[in-house]
Structures are given as C-alpha cells and as structure tokens.
Amino acid sequence: MTADLRDRQLRQCCDALDQVSADAPTLCAGWVAHDLAIHLWTLKHDPLSWPGIALPALAATTNRRADRIRRRWSYGELVARLRAERGDLACMPFDRFGGHRHALGEYFVHTQDVVRANGLRQEEPSQELEDALWLRVQVAARQLLRRRSPGLVLATEGGRSAHVTGRTPMTVVTGPPSELMCWVYGREAVAEVTVRH
C-alpha cells in the first residue's frame, strides 16, 4: 500500500515542479527547481553521485554529474522522465522492507520545498498519507536529530507521541505528521508545529 502512496507522492512532486519554472526558488538552500529535479533523478539513477550528497569532500563529483544531467535534458524533459517512473529510489534498496516510507518522505518533503517556496495551492494530506508519514517521521527524527536534540518528543494533536531521544531537557514538537516531517527535515521556518521546551 505504501508503494502506491510513494508513487502518488512522486507524481504530486512532479505536478509541483511542472507548475514552476526551472529557476523557481525552493526551500533547499541554494537550489532552484531544476536542481531539485536533478537531485531526485540522481537518487534514482546515479550511484556515482550519491557519496557527494552526504560528504562535502565529494560534492564536486556530484556537482559535475548534475551539470551533465542539466545539459542532457531540459527541465521539462527531466520532470517528464521522473513522472513516467515508479517511485523506487535506487539509493535506498532496502526501503521496501520499511514499507517504502523513506522514499515517500523524500518525495513529500521535496514537494513541500517547491509548493511552499512558490505559494502553490495543495490538497490537504489524506489520513492514509498522514499515517504513513507518522511512521516515517519517527525514524527520520532518530536518524537526523539524535545528536542535535538532547531530549525530543514528537506528538500529534490526536494524542500519538514518540520519544526520539529520552534525555532531558525535553523538547516536545506537536503537529500533524506532515508538518512534523517538514520540521524534522530542517524546514522549521515553514512547519506548522508547536515547539515547547
């Protein structure tokens, strides 16, 4: 079921990319829409670029390979190619064992990067999507924030909560899972959450 959600979210991301120009802003610092589309293509197809995404020392290789993609296809062609595919991400080969939620989260956050930076209209997330994002955001928070947050609890208005780190002092971040995803992935300025220390 989550594979279907993942594929739908990829299409929604492509819908957002189609609504803006290649040089439209995104919430990713220093990236325009074309850069974001190239990033998604890279995650799906270019293993030689992956190390430079995580390791600044190898970023020059990733940037050179991104420039090659930029020259090969126009922005519109690249988005059309992304839209024609399933949402699997080759850089996450074991994601299927986690219900495809890592890729779902990746597409969701990058959709928000385009939508919110450009004031695009979007549908409210379905309950099915919120439920899948709740499962993903707990894992993502542990991976991304474990060292930065001495004590962190994620909570929803519906009463669900997850202790990401158990130490004190404790920060409680409350909101819908979709907004918690934005907050956990570093989009704090646009995430509609309540943070209580």
N, C-alpha and C. Protein backbone atom coordinates (compact mmCIF):
# COMPACT_ATOMS: atom_id res chain seq x y z
N MET A 1 0.82 -1.20 0.00
CA MET A 1 0.00 0.00 0.00
C MET A 1 0.86 1.26 0.00
N THR A 2 1.95 1.25 0.81
CA THR A 2 2.77 2.46 0.86
C THR A 2 3.49 2.71 -0.45
N ALA A 3 3.76 1.68 -1.23
CA ALA A 3 4.36 1.89 -2.55
C ALA A 3 3.44 2.72 -3.43
N ASP A 4 2.13 2.48 -3.33
CA ASP A 4 1.18 3.31 -4.08
C ASP A 4 1.22 4.75 -3.60
N LEU A 5 1.27 4.94 -2.29
CA LEU A 5 1.37 6.30 -1.73
C LEU A 5 2.65 6.97 -2.22
N ARG A 6 3.74 6.23 -2.18
CA ARG A 6 5.03 6.75 -2.63
C ARG A 6 4.96 7.21 -4.07
N ASP A 7 4.36 6.37 -4.94
CA ASP A 7 4.27 6.72 -6.36
C ASP A 7 3.36 7.93 -6.58
N ARG A 8 2.27 7.99 -5.80
CA ARG A 8 1.38 9.17 -5.89
C ARG A 8 2.12 10.43 -5.45
N GLN A 9 2.95 10.29 -4.42
CA GLN A 9 3.67 11.47 -3.94
C GLN A 9 4.72 11.92 -4.95
N LEU A 10 5.34 10.97 -5.65
CA LEU A 10 6.26 11.35 -6.72
C LEU A 10 5.51 12.15 -7.79
N ARG A 11 4.33 11.69 -8.16
CA ARG A 11 3.55 12.42 -9.17
C ARG A 11 3.15 13.80 -8.66
N GLN A 12 2.81 13.92 -7.39
CA GLN A 12 2.49 15.24 -6.84
C GLN A 12 3.70 16.15 -6.85
N CYS A 13 4.86 15.57 -6.59
CA CYS A 13 6.09 16.36 -6.65
C CYS A 13 6.31 16.85 -8.09
N CYS A 14 6.10 15.98 -9.05
CA CYS A 14 6.23 16.37 -10.46
C CYS A 14 5.19 17.41 -10.84
N ASP A 15 3.97 17.28 -10.31
CA ASP A 15 2.94 18.30 -10.56
C ASP A 15 3.42 19.67 -10.09
N ALA A 16 4.01 19.69 -8.89
CA ALA A 16 4.51 20.96 -8.35
C ALA A 16 5.64 21.50 -9.22
N LEU A 17 6.57 20.63 -9.61
CA LEU A 17 7.68 21.06 -10.46
C LEU A 17 7.17 21.58 -11.81
N ASP A 18 6.12 20.97 -12.33
CA ASP A 18 5.55 21.41 -13.60
C ASP A 18 4.91 22.79 -13.51
N GLN A 19 4.50 23.19 -12.32
CA GLN A 19 3.82 24.47 -12.15
C GLN A 19 4.78 25.65 -12.02
N VAL A 20 6.06 25.36 -11.92
CA VAL A 20 7.03 26.45 -11.74
C VAL A 20 8.10 26.36 -12.82
N SER A 21 8.83 27.44 -12.97
CA SER A 21 9.91 27.46 -13.95
C SER A 21 11.15 26.78 -13.38
N ALA A 22 12.09 26.48 -14.25
CA ALA A 22 13.32 25.80 -13.84
C ALA A 22 14.09 26.59 -12.79
N ASP A 23 13.99 27.91 -12.85
CA ASP A 23 14.75 28.74 -11.91
C ASP A 23 13.91 29.22 -10.72
N ALA A 24 12.76 28.58 -10.51
CA ALA A 24 11.91 28.94 -9.37
C ALA A 24 12.61 28.57 -8.06
N PRO A 25 12.37 29.32 -7.00
CA PRO A 25 13.02 29.02 -5.72
C PRO A 25 12.46 27.75 -5.09
N THR A 26 13.22 27.18 -4.19
CA THR A 26 12.78 26.06 -3.36
C THR A 26 13.20 26.36 -1.93
N LEU A 27 12.78 25.53 -1.02
CA LEU A 27 13.21 25.69 0.37
C LEU A 27 14.59 25.09 0.62
N CYS A 28 15.16 24.41 -0.36
CA CYS A 28 16.50 23.86 -0.24
C CYS A 28 17.51 24.98 -0.51
N ALA A 29 18.30 25.32 0.48
CA ALA A 29 19.22 26.44 0.36
C ALA A 29 20.10 26.31 -0.88
N GLY A 30 20.07 27.33 -1.72
CA GLY A 30 20.92 27.37 -2.91
C GLY A 30 20.38 26.59 -4.10
N TRP A 31 19.24 25.95 -3.97
CA TRP A 31 18.67 25.15 -5.06
C TRP A 31 17.46 25.83 -5.67
N VAL A 32 17.41 25.80 -6.99
CA VAL A 32 16.19 26.16 -7.71
C VAL A 32 15.49 24.85 -8.09
N ALA A 33 14.32 24.97 -8.73
CA ALA A 33 13.52 23.79 -9.05
C ALA A 33 14.30 22.79 -9.91
N HIS A 34 15.09 23.29 -10.86
CA HIS A 34 15.85 22.38 -11.72
C HIS A 34 16.85 21.56 -10.90
N ASP A 35 17.49 22.20 -9.94
CA ASP A 35 18.43 21.49 -9.06
C ASP A 35 17.72 20.37 -8.30
N LEU A 36 16.51 20.65 -7.83
CA LEU A 36 15.77 19.66 -7.07
C LEU A 36 15.40 18.48 -7.96
N ALA A 37 14.96 18.75 -9.19
CA ALA A 37 14.63 17.67 -10.12
C ALA A 37 15.86 16.81 -10.42
N ILE A 38 16.99 17.45 -10.58
CA ILE A 38 18.24 16.71 -10.83
C ILE A 38 18.59 15.86 -9.61
N HIS A 39 18.40 16.40 -8.43
CA HIS A 39 18.66 15.64 -7.20
C HIS A 39 17.81 14.37 -7.17
N LEU A 40 16.53 14.48 -7.48
CA LEU A 40 15.66 13.30 -7.48
C LEU A 40 16.12 12.29 -8.53
N TRP A 41 16.49 12.76 -9.70
CA TRP A 41 16.98 11.86 -10.75
C TRP A 41 18.24 11.14 -10.28
N THR A 42 19.11 11.89 -9.63
CA THR A 42 20.36 11.33 -9.12
C THR A 42 20.10 10.22 -8.11
N LEU A 43 19.17 10.46 -7.19
CA LEU A 43 18.86 9.44 -6.20
C LEU A 43 18.33 8.16 -6.83
N LYS A 44 17.67 8.30 -7.97
CA LYS A 44 17.09 7.15 -8.65
C LYS A 44 18.07 6.44 -9.56
N HIS A 45 19.03 7.17 -10.14
CA HIS A 45 19.79 6.61 -11.26
C HIS A 45 21.31 6.73 -11.23
N ASP A 46 21.89 7.49 -10.33
CA ASP A 46 23.31 7.80 -10.47
C ASP A 46 24.11 7.50 -9.21
N PRO A 47 24.45 6.23 -8.98
CA PRO A 47 25.19 5.86 -7.76
C PRO A 47 26.50 6.60 -7.57
N LEU A 48 27.16 7.00 -8.66
CA LEU A 48 28.44 7.70 -8.50
C LEU A 48 28.26 9.08 -7.87
N SER A 49 27.05 9.60 -7.90
CA SER A 49 26.78 10.91 -7.29
C SER A 49 26.42 10.82 -5.81
N TRP A 50 25.99 9.66 -5.36
CA TRP A 50 25.46 9.56 -4.00
C TRP A 50 26.43 9.96 -2.91
N PRO A 51 27.71 9.55 -2.96
CA PRO A 51 28.60 9.93 -1.85
C PRO A 51 28.70 11.44 -1.64
N GLY A 52 28.69 12.19 -2.72
CA GLY A 52 28.83 13.64 -2.62
C GLY A 52 27.62 14.34 -2.07
N ILE A 53 26.48 13.65 -2.00
CA ILE A 53 25.28 14.24 -1.40
C ILE A 53 25.47 14.32 0.11
N ALA A 54 26.13 13.32 0.68
CA ALA A 54 26.30 13.26 2.13
C ALA A 54 27.65 13.78 2.60
N LEU A 55 28.67 13.69 1.74
CA LEU A 55 30.03 14.05 2.16
C LEU A 55 30.52 15.26 1.37
N PRO A 56 30.64 16.42 2.02
CA PRO A 56 31.05 17.63 1.32
C PRO A 56 32.36 17.47 0.54
N ALA A 57 33.28 16.65 1.02
CA ALA A 57 34.56 16.47 0.34
C ALA A 57 34.38 15.87 -1.06
N LEU A 58 33.24 15.19 -1.29
CA LEU A 58 33.00 14.56 -2.60
C LEU A 58 31.94 15.30 -3.41
N ALA A 59 31.54 16.48 -2.95
CA ALA A 59 30.47 17.22 -3.61
C ALA A 59 30.83 17.66 -5.02
N ALA A 60 32.11 17.88 -5.30
CA ALA A 60 32.50 18.34 -6.64
C ALA A 60 32.11 17.30 -7.69
N THR A 61 32.29 16.01 -7.39
CA THR A 61 31.90 14.95 -8.33
C THR A 61 30.39 14.97 -8.54
N THR A 62 29.64 15.10 -7.46
CA THR A 62 28.18 15.15 -7.57
C THR A 62 27.75 16.35 -8.42
N ASN A 63 28.38 17.49 -8.20
CA ASN A 63 28.04 18.69 -8.98
C ASN A 63 28.36 18.54 -10.46
N ARG A 64 29.50 17.92 -10.77
CA ARG A 64 29.86 17.69 -12.18
C ARG A 64 28.84 16.78 -12.84
N ARG A 65 28.44 15.75 -12.15
CA ARG A 65 27.47 14.81 -12.71
C ARG A 65 26.09 15.47 -12.86
N ALA A 66 25.76 16.35 -11.92
CA ALA A 66 24.50 17.11 -12.04
C ALA A 66 24.52 18.00 -13.27
N ASP A 67 25.66 18.64 -13.52
CA ASP A 67 25.78 19.50 -14.72
C ASP A 67 25.59 18.69 -16.00
N ARG A 68 26.06 17.45 -15.98
CA ARG A 68 25.89 16.58 -17.15
C ARG A 68 24.40 16.30 -17.40
N ILE A 69 23.65 16.04 -16.34
CA ILE A 69 22.21 15.81 -16.46
C ILE A 69 21.52 17.08 -16.98
N ARG A 70 21.94 18.24 -16.46
CA ARG A 70 21.35 19.52 -16.87
C ARG A 70 21.55 19.76 -18.37
N ARG A 71 22.71 19.37 -18.88
CA ARG A 71 22.97 19.54 -20.32
C ARG A 71 22.23 18.50 -21.16
N ARG A 72 22.02 17.33 -20.60
CA ARG A 72 21.41 16.24 -21.38
C ARG A 72 19.93 16.45 -21.64
N TRP A 73 19.20 16.92 -20.59
CA TRP A 73 17.75 17.11 -20.74
C TRP A 73 17.35 18.48 -20.24
N SER A 74 16.35 19.05 -20.88
CA SER A 74 15.77 20.29 -20.37
C SER A 74 15.04 19.99 -19.07
N TYR A 75 14.70 21.03 -18.37
CA TYR A 75 13.95 20.89 -17.12
C TYR A 75 12.65 20.13 -17.36
N GLY A 76 11.89 20.54 -18.37
CA GLY A 76 10.62 19.87 -18.67
C GLY A 76 10.79 18.41 -19.01
N GLU A 77 11.83 18.09 -19.78
CA GLU A 77 12.09 16.68 -20.13
C GLU A 77 12.44 15.86 -18.89
N LEU A 78 13.21 16.45 -18.01
CA LEU A 78 13.62 15.72 -16.81
C LEU A 78 12.42 15.44 -15.91
N VAL A 79 11.56 16.44 -15.72
CA VAL A 79 10.36 16.23 -14.90
C VAL A 79 9.47 15.16 -15.53
N ALA A 80 9.33 15.19 -16.85
CA ALA A 80 8.51 14.18 -17.54
C ALA A 80 9.09 12.79 -17.34
N ARG A 81 10.40 12.66 -17.37
CA ARG A 81 11.04 11.36 -17.14
C ARG A 81 10.79 10.87 -15.71
N LEU A 82 10.89 11.78 -14.75
CA LEU A 82 10.61 11.41 -13.36
C LEU A 82 9.16 10.94 -13.21
N ARG A 83 8.25 11.67 -13.85
CA ARG A 83 6.82 11.35 -13.74
C ARG A 83 6.51 9.97 -14.33
N ALA A 84 7.24 9.56 -15.35
CA ALA A 84 6.95 8.31 -16.05
C ALA A 84 7.41 7.07 -15.27
N GLU A 85 8.13 7.28 -14.18
CA GLU A 85 8.71 6.16 -13.44
C GLU A 85 7.94 5.86 -12.15
N ARG A 86 8.21 4.70 -11.61
CA ARG A 86 7.76 4.40 -10.25
C ARG A 86 8.64 5.17 -9.28
N GLY A 87 8.25 5.17 -8.02
CA GLY A 87 8.95 5.98 -7.03
C GLY A 87 10.14 5.33 -6.36
N ASP A 88 10.54 4.12 -6.77
CA ASP A 88 11.70 3.49 -6.14
C ASP A 88 12.90 4.42 -6.22
N LEU A 89 13.70 4.42 -5.17
CA LEU A 89 14.95 5.16 -5.18
C LEU A 89 16.08 4.15 -5.08
N ALA A 90 16.90 4.11 -6.10
CA ALA A 90 17.98 3.12 -6.14
C ALA A 90 18.93 3.28 -4.96
N CYS A 91 19.05 4.49 -4.44
CA CYS A 91 19.97 4.72 -3.32
C CYS A 91 19.42 4.16 -2.01
N MET A 92 18.18 3.68 -2.04
CA MET A 92 17.55 3.12 -0.84
C MET A 92 17.05 1.71 -1.14
N PRO A 93 17.93 0.78 -1.46
CA PRO A 93 17.49 -0.54 -1.92
C PRO A 93 16.70 -1.34 -0.89
N PHE A 94 16.86 -1.03 0.39
CA PHE A 94 16.15 -1.79 1.43
C PHE A 94 14.88 -1.09 1.89
N ASP A 95 14.51 -0.01 1.22
CA ASP A 95 13.33 0.75 1.62
C ASP A 95 12.05 -0.07 1.53
N ARG A 96 12.04 -1.05 0.64
CA ARG A 96 10.83 -1.88 0.51
C ARG A 96 10.53 -2.63 1.80
N PHE A 97 11.57 -2.94 2.57
CA PHE A 97 11.36 -3.63 3.83
C PHE A 97 10.78 -2.70 4.90
N GLY A 98 10.87 -1.40 4.67
CA GLY A 98 10.29 -0.42 5.58
C GLY A 98 9.03 0.19 5.02
N GLY A 99 8.39 -0.50 4.10
CA GLY A 99 7.14 -0.01 3.54
C GLY A 99 7.31 1.16 2.58
N HIS A 100 8.49 1.33 2.01
CA HIS A 100 8.76 2.40 1.05
C HIS A 100 8.63 3.78 1.67
N ARG A 101 8.72 3.86 2.99
CA ARG A 101 8.44 5.13 3.66
C ARG A 101 9.58 6.14 3.53
N HIS A 102 10.81 5.68 3.37
CA HIS A 102 11.92 6.63 3.21
C HIS A 102 11.72 7.42 1.92
N ALA A 103 11.44 6.72 0.83
CA ALA A 103 11.20 7.40 -0.44
C ALA A 103 9.96 8.29 -0.37
N LEU A 104 8.91 7.79 0.28
CA LEU A 104 7.70 8.59 0.46
C LEU A 104 8.04 9.91 1.15
N GLY A 105 8.81 9.82 2.23
CA GLY A 105 9.20 11.03 2.95
C GLY A 105 10.04 11.96 2.10
N GLU A 106 10.95 11.40 1.34
CA GLU A 106 11.80 12.21 0.45
C GLU A 106 10.93 12.99 -0.55
N TYR A 107 10.01 12.31 -1.19
CA TYR A 107 9.14 12.98 -2.16
C TYR A 107 8.22 13.99 -1.48
N PHE A 108 7.71 13.64 -0.31
CA PHE A 108 6.80 14.57 0.37
C PHE A 108 7.53 15.87 0.71
N VAL A 109 8.68 15.76 1.34
CA VAL A 109 9.42 16.96 1.75
C VAL A 109 9.81 17.79 0.54
N HIS A 110 10.27 17.14 -0.52
CA HIS A 110 10.67 17.92 -1.70
C HIS A 110 9.47 18.54 -2.41
N THR A 111 8.31 17.91 -2.32
CA THR A 111 7.10 18.55 -2.83
C THR A 111 6.85 19.84 -2.06
N GLN A 112 6.98 19.76 -0.73
CA GLN A 112 6.78 20.96 0.09
C GLN A 112 7.82 22.02 -0.21
N ASP A 113 9.03 21.60 -0.56
CA ASP A 113 10.08 22.57 -0.91
C ASP A 113 9.66 23.45 -2.07
N VAL A 114 8.95 22.87 -3.02
CA VAL A 114 8.50 23.62 -4.19
C VAL A 114 7.22 24.38 -3.89
N VAL A 115 6.25 23.67 -3.32
CA VAL A 115 4.92 24.24 -3.07
C VAL A 115 5.01 25.46 -2.16
N ARG A 116 5.69 25.32 -1.04
CA ARG A 116 5.70 26.39 -0.05
C ARG A 116 6.59 27.56 -0.46
N ALA A 117 7.64 27.28 -1.20
CA ALA A 117 8.51 28.38 -1.65
C ALA A 117 7.84 29.22 -2.74
N ASN A 118 6.84 28.65 -3.41
CA ASN A 118 6.22 29.35 -4.53
C ASN A 118 4.74 29.66 -4.33
N GLY A 119 4.25 29.42 -3.12
CA GLY A 119 2.86 29.74 -2.82
C GLY A 119 1.85 28.96 -3.64
N LEU A 120 2.18 27.72 -3.99
CA LEU A 120 1.26 26.91 -4.78
C LEU A 120 0.15 26.35 -3.88
N ARG A 121 -0.98 26.14 -4.48
CA ARG A 121 -2.10 25.53 -3.76
C ARG A 121 -1.88 24.02 -3.70
N GLN A 122 -2.23 23.41 -2.58
CA GLN A 122 -2.09 21.97 -2.46
C GLN A 122 -3.25 21.39 -1.66
N GLU A 123 -3.52 20.13 -1.92
CA GLU A 123 -4.56 19.43 -1.18
C GLU A 123 -4.09 19.11 0.23
N GLU A 124 -5.05 19.01 1.14
CA GLU A 124 -4.72 18.54 2.48
C GLU A 124 -4.27 17.09 2.39
N PRO A 125 -3.25 16.69 3.13
CA PRO A 125 -2.82 15.28 3.11
C PRO A 125 -3.95 14.36 3.58
N SER A 126 -4.09 13.23 2.93
CA SER A 126 -5.09 12.24 3.34
C SER A 126 -4.68 11.63 4.68
N GLN A 127 -5.63 10.99 5.34
CA GLN A 127 -5.31 10.30 6.60
C GLN A 127 -4.32 9.17 6.34
N GLU A 128 -4.46 8.51 5.19
CA GLU A 128 -3.54 7.43 4.84
C GLU A 128 -2.11 7.96 4.74
N LEU A 129 -1.95 9.12 4.10
CA LEU A 129 -0.63 9.72 3.98
C LEU A 129 -0.11 10.14 5.35
N GLU A 130 -0.96 10.79 6.14
CA GLU A 130 -0.53 11.21 7.49
C GLU A 130 -0.07 10.01 8.31
N ASP A 131 -0.80 8.90 8.23
CA ASP A 131 -0.42 7.71 8.99
C ASP A 131 0.94 7.16 8.55
N ALA A 132 1.17 7.14 7.24
CA ALA A 132 2.46 6.65 6.73
C ALA A 132 3.59 7.60 7.11
N LEU A 133 3.32 8.91 7.04
CA LEU A 133 4.35 9.88 7.42
C LEU A 133 4.65 9.82 8.92
N TRP A 134 3.65 9.49 9.74
CA TRP A 134 3.90 9.35 11.17
C TRP A 134 4.93 8.25 11.42
N LEU A 135 4.80 7.14 10.73
CA LEU A 135 5.76 6.05 10.89
C LEU A 135 7.15 6.47 10.40
N ARG A 136 7.19 7.22 9.30
CA ARG A 136 8.48 7.66 8.75
C ARG A 136 9.15 8.72 9.62
N VAL A 137 8.36 9.68 10.12
CA VAL A 137 8.98 10.81 10.82
C VAL A 137 9.66 10.36 12.10
N GLN A 138 9.17 9.31 12.73
CA GLN A 138 9.81 8.82 13.95
C GLN A 138 11.22 8.29 13.64
N VAL A 139 11.34 7.55 12.55
CA VAL A 139 12.64 7.01 12.15
C VAL A 139 13.56 8.15 11.70
N ALA A 140 13.02 9.05 10.88
CA ALA A 140 13.83 10.16 10.37
C ALA A 140 14.37 11.02 11.52
N ALA A 141 13.53 11.29 12.51
CA ALA A 141 13.96 12.12 13.63
C ALA A 141 15.11 11.46 14.38
N ARG A 142 15.01 10.15 14.57
CA ARG A 142 16.11 9.44 15.26
C ARG A 142 17.40 9.51 14.45
N GLN A 143 17.27 9.40 13.13
CA GLN A 143 18.45 9.44 12.26
C GLN A 143 19.06 10.84 12.18
N LEU A 144 18.19 11.84 12.03
CA LEU A 144 18.67 13.19 11.74
C LEU A 144 18.94 14.04 12.98
N LEU A 145 18.21 13.81 14.07
CA LEU A 145 18.25 14.74 15.19
C LEU A 145 18.82 14.15 16.47
N ARG A 146 19.17 12.90 16.46
CA ARG A 146 19.61 12.22 17.70
C ARG A 146 20.74 12.99 18.39
N ARG A 147 21.70 13.47 17.62
CA ARG A 147 22.86 14.13 18.23
C ARG A 147 22.60 15.60 18.53
N ARG A 148 21.66 16.20 17.81
CA ARG A 148 21.41 17.64 17.99
C ARG A 148 20.40 17.94 19.09
N SER A 149 19.51 17.01 19.37
CA SER A 149 18.45 17.25 20.34
C SER A 149 18.68 16.39 21.58
N PRO A 150 19.00 17.01 22.72
CA PRO A 150 19.27 16.20 23.91
C PRO A 150 18.06 15.41 24.38
N GLY A 151 16.87 15.93 24.17
CA GLY A 151 15.65 15.21 24.51
C GLY A 151 14.55 15.70 23.59
N LEU A 152 13.92 14.79 22.86
CA LEU A 152 12.93 15.20 21.87
C LEU A 152 11.75 14.23 21.85
N VAL A 153 10.54 14.80 21.89
CA VAL A 153 9.32 14.04 21.73
C VAL A 153 8.55 14.65 20.57
N LEU A 154 8.10 13.81 19.66
CA LEU A 154 7.20 14.24 18.59
C LEU A 154 5.80 13.83 19.00
N ALA A 155 4.84 14.71 18.76
CA ALA A 155 3.46 14.42 19.17
C ALA A 155 2.49 14.96 18.13
N THR A 156 1.33 14.32 18.04
CA THR A 156 0.26 14.80 17.18
C THR A 156 -0.88 15.30 18.05
N GLU A 157 -1.74 16.14 17.45
CA GLU A 157 -2.89 16.64 18.20
C GLU A 157 -3.82 15.49 18.59
N GLY A 158 -3.76 14.39 17.85
CA GLY A 158 -4.61 13.23 18.12
C GLY A 158 -4.15 12.37 19.28
N GLY A 159 -3.04 12.75 19.90
CA GLY A 159 -2.60 12.03 21.08
C GLY A 159 -1.46 11.04 20.87
N ARG A 160 -1.00 10.87 19.64
CA ARG A 160 0.14 9.98 19.43
C ARG A 160 1.42 10.71 19.81
N SER A 161 2.38 9.97 20.33
CA SER A 161 3.67 10.58 20.64
C SER A 161 4.78 9.56 20.49
N ALA A 162 5.97 10.06 20.24
CA ALA A 162 7.15 9.20 20.09
C ALA A 162 8.33 9.89 20.74
N HIS A 163 9.01 9.18 21.65
CA HIS A 163 10.23 9.70 22.26
C HIS A 163 11.38 9.41 21.30
N VAL A 164 11.91 10.46 20.73
CA VAL A 164 13.02 10.30 19.78
C VAL A 164 14.31 10.10 20.54
N THR A 165 14.53 10.95 21.52
CA THR A 165 15.64 10.76 22.46
C THR A 165 15.07 10.93 23.85
N GLY A 166 15.54 10.18 24.80
CA GLY A 166 14.92 10.15 26.11
C GLY A 166 15.59 11.01 27.16
N ARG A 167 16.63 11.73 26.80
CA ARG A 167 17.33 12.52 27.81
C ARG A 167 16.58 13.83 28.09
N THR A 168 16.96 14.50 29.16
CA THR A 168 16.39 15.81 29.48
C THR A 168 17.49 16.86 29.31
N PRO A 169 17.17 18.13 29.05
CA PRO A 169 15.83 18.70 28.98
C PRO A 169 15.08 18.20 27.75
N MET A 170 13.75 18.29 27.83
CA MET A 170 12.91 17.71 26.80
C MET A 170 12.26 18.80 25.96
N THR A 171 12.29 18.62 24.64
CA THR A 171 11.56 19.47 23.71
C THR A 171 10.42 18.64 23.13
N VAL A 172 9.21 19.17 23.16
CA VAL A 172 8.05 18.49 22.59
C VAL A 172 7.60 19.29 21.38
N VAL A 173 7.58 18.63 20.23
CA VAL A 173 7.14 19.28 18.98
C VAL A 173 5.83 18.62 18.58
N THR A 174 4.77 19.43 18.44
CA THR A 174 3.43 18.91 18.19
C THR A 174 2.89 19.45 16.88
N GLY A 175 2.29 18.56 16.11
CA GLY A 175 1.66 18.95 14.86
C GLY A 175 1.23 17.72 14.09
N PRO A 176 0.57 17.90 12.96
CA PRO A 176 0.26 16.75 12.12
C PRO A 176 1.56 16.10 11.62
N PRO A 177 1.56 14.81 11.34
CA PRO A 177 2.79 14.17 10.86
C PRO A 177 3.40 14.87 9.65
N SER A 178 2.57 15.37 8.74
CA SER A 178 3.10 16.06 7.55
C SER A 178 3.90 17.30 7.94
N GLU A 179 3.44 18.03 8.97
CA GLU A 179 4.17 19.21 9.42
C GLU A 179 5.40 18.82 10.24
N LEU A 180 5.27 17.74 11.01
CA LEU A 180 6.44 17.24 11.74
C LEU A 180 7.54 16.82 10.77
N MET A 181 7.16 16.25 9.63
CA MET A 181 8.16 15.88 8.61
C MET A 181 8.94 17.11 8.16
N CYS A 182 8.22 18.19 7.89
CA CYS A 182 8.91 19.40 7.46
C CYS A 182 9.86 19.89 8.55
N TRP A 183 9.41 19.85 9.79
CA TRP A 183 10.25 20.32 10.90
C TRP A 183 11.49 19.44 11.06
N VAL A 184 11.29 18.14 11.06
CA VAL A 184 12.42 17.22 11.25
C VAL A 184 13.43 17.34 10.11
N TYR A 185 12.96 17.58 8.89
CA TYR A 185 13.86 17.70 7.75
C TYR A 185 14.42 19.11 7.59
N GLY A 186 14.34 19.92 8.64
CA GLY A 186 15.02 21.22 8.63
C GLY A 186 14.25 22.37 8.02
N ARG A 187 12.95 22.18 7.79
CA ARG A 187 12.13 23.28 7.24
C ARG A 187 11.35 23.93 8.39
N GLU A 188 12.05 24.22 9.48
CA GLU A 188 11.41 24.74 10.69
C GLU A 188 10.64 26.03 10.43
N ALA A 189 11.15 26.88 9.54
CA ALA A 189 10.53 28.19 9.30
C ALA A 189 9.13 28.08 8.70
N VAL A 190 8.84 26.98 8.02
CA VAL A 190 7.53 26.85 7.36
C VAL A 190 6.66 25.78 8.00
N ALA A 191 7.21 24.99 8.89
CA ALA A 191 6.46 23.90 9.50
C ALA A 191 5.44 24.45 10.50
N GLU A 192 4.20 24.02 10.36
CA GLU A 192 3.13 24.47 11.25
C GLU A 192 3.05 23.53 12.45
N VAL A 193 3.97 23.77 13.38
CA VAL A 193 4.08 22.95 14.58
C VAL A 193 4.18 23.87 15.79
N THR A 194 3.97 23.28 16.95
CA THR A 194 4.19 23.97 18.22
C THR A 194 5.40 23.34 18.88
N VAL A 195 6.36 24.16 19.27
CA VAL A 195 7.56 23.68 19.92
C VAL A 195 7.54 24.15 21.37
N ARG A 196 7.61 23.19 22.27
CA ARG A 196 7.59 23.52 23.71
C ARG A 196 8.83 22.95 24.37
N HIS A 197 9.58 23.81 25.06
CA HIS A 197 10.81 23.39 25.73
C HIS A 197 10.55 23.21 27.22
